[in-house]
Amino acid sequence: MYLTKEVKAEIFAKHGKSATDTGSSEGQIALFTHRINHLTEHLKRNRKDYNTERSLVMLVGKRRSLLDYLKKTDITRYRAIVKELGLRK
């Protein structure tokens, strides 16, 4: 499986406040980005996998909602996470 406990803990340790803080917006955005990248690679190989395509679209929407929330509440944290993850060109 692509998303093991260790990978999750590493993502939350790097982007969240700690490895056990799974509720922070930055940690969740980073986790969603990791999952989005994985699903994008999967869809490049399996073009007709429509269930995965739907899951990807829903995941992008969740990440967008979290980014909007973070932008509304704390613009500096928003800018930091966008720069760190490379979400904008």
Protein backbone atom coordinates (compact mmCIF):
# COMPACT_ATOMS: atom_id res chain seq x y z
CA MET A 1 0.00 0.00 0.00
CA TYR A 2 1.27 3.46 -0.83
CA LEU A 3 0.15 5.18 2.37
CA THR A 4 1.56 3.38 5.41
CA LYS A 5 1.62 4.55 9.00
CA GLU A 6 5.22 5.64 8.62
CA VAL A 7 4.50 7.77 5.55
CA LYS A 8 1.55 9.43 7.28
CA ALA A 9 3.58 10.13 10.42
CA GLU A 10 6.36 11.60 8.30
CA ILE A 11 3.93 13.89 6.45
CA PHE A 12 2.33 15.10 9.67
CA ALA A 13 5.72 15.55 11.36
CA LYS A 14 7.01 17.62 8.45
CA HIS A 15 3.95 19.78 7.78
CA GLY A 16 1.93 19.62 10.99
CA LYS A 17 2.82 20.64 14.50
CA SER A 18 3.87 17.11 15.46
CA ALA A 19 3.65 13.53 14.18
CA THR A 20 0.50 12.92 16.23
CA ASP A 21 -1.26 16.19 15.31
CA THR A 22 -3.42 14.91 12.47
CA GLY A 23 -6.01 17.67 12.68
CA SER A 24 -3.97 20.67 11.63
CA SER A 25 -4.94 22.20 8.31
CA GLU A 26 -1.38 22.12 7.01
CA GLY A 27 -1.00 18.43 7.80
CA GLN A 28 -4.28 17.52 6.14
CA ILE A 29 -3.47 19.60 3.05
CA ALA A 30 -0.09 17.88 2.77
CA LEU A 31 -1.72 14.45 3.15
CA PHE A 32 -4.34 15.27 0.51
CA THR A 33 -1.59 16.49 -1.82
CA HIS A 34 0.30 13.21 -1.38
CA ARG A 35 -2.85 11.23 -2.14
CA ILE A 36 -3.72 13.45 -5.14
CA ASN A 37 -0.26 12.92 -6.63
CA HIS A 38 -0.59 9.16 -6.19
CA LEU A 39 -4.05 9.04 -7.79
CA THR A 40 -2.88 11.22 -10.68
CA GLU A 41 -0.09 8.76 -11.46
CA HIS A 42 -2.58 5.88 -11.23
CA LEU A 43 -4.94 7.58 -13.68
CA LYS A 44 -2.13 8.15 -16.16
CA ARG A 45 -1.75 4.37 -16.39
CA ASN A 46 -5.46 3.46 -16.07
CA ARG A 47 -7.42 5.96 -18.11
CA LYS A 48 -10.80 4.27 -17.78
CA ASP A 49 -10.82 3.99 -14.00
CA TYR A 50 -13.76 6.31 -13.45
CA ASN A 51 -14.21 5.54 -9.75
CA THR A 52 -10.68 6.69 -9.03
CA GLU A 53 -11.25 9.75 -11.19
CA ARG A 54 -14.30 10.66 -9.10
CA SER A 55 -12.32 10.12 -5.89
CA LEU A 56 -9.58 12.38 -7.21
CA VAL A 57 -12.04 15.16 -8.00
CA MET A 58 -13.60 14.91 -4.53
CA LEU A 59 -10.16 14.96 -2.90
CA VAL A 60 -9.15 18.07 -4.85
CA GLY A 61 -12.37 19.72 -3.66
CA LYS A 62 -11.60 18.87 -0.02
CA ARG A 63 -8.09 20.27 -0.36
CA ARG A 64 -9.47 23.41 -2.00
CA SER A 65 -11.91 23.89 0.90
CA LEU A 66 -9.12 23.54 3.46
CA LEU A 67 -6.93 25.97 1.51
CA ASP A 68 -9.80 28.49 1.36
CA TYR A 69 -10.34 28.14 5.11
CA LEU A 70 -6.66 28.62 5.84
CA LYS A 71 -6.49 31.64 3.52
CA LYS A 72 -9.46 33.20 5.29
CA THR A 73 -8.14 32.61 8.82
CA ASP A 74 -4.34 32.99 8.53
CA ILE A 75 -2.85 34.23 5.26
CA THR A 76 0.78 33.69 6.35
CA ARG A 77 0.21 29.99 7.10
CA TYR A 78 -1.61 29.69 3.76
CA ARG A 79 1.27 31.24 1.84
CA ALA A 80 3.80 29.06 3.66
CA ILE A 81 2.01 25.77 2.89
CA VAL A 82 1.36 26.71 -0.74
CA LYS A 83 5.03 27.59 -1.22
CA GLU A 84 6.26 24.49 0.60
CA LEU A 85 4.08 22.08 -1.37
CA GLY A 86 4.48 23.94 -4.67
CA LEU A 87 0.76 24.20 -5.36
CA ARG A 88 0.97 27.38 -7.43
CA LYS A 89 3.15 28.23 -10.38
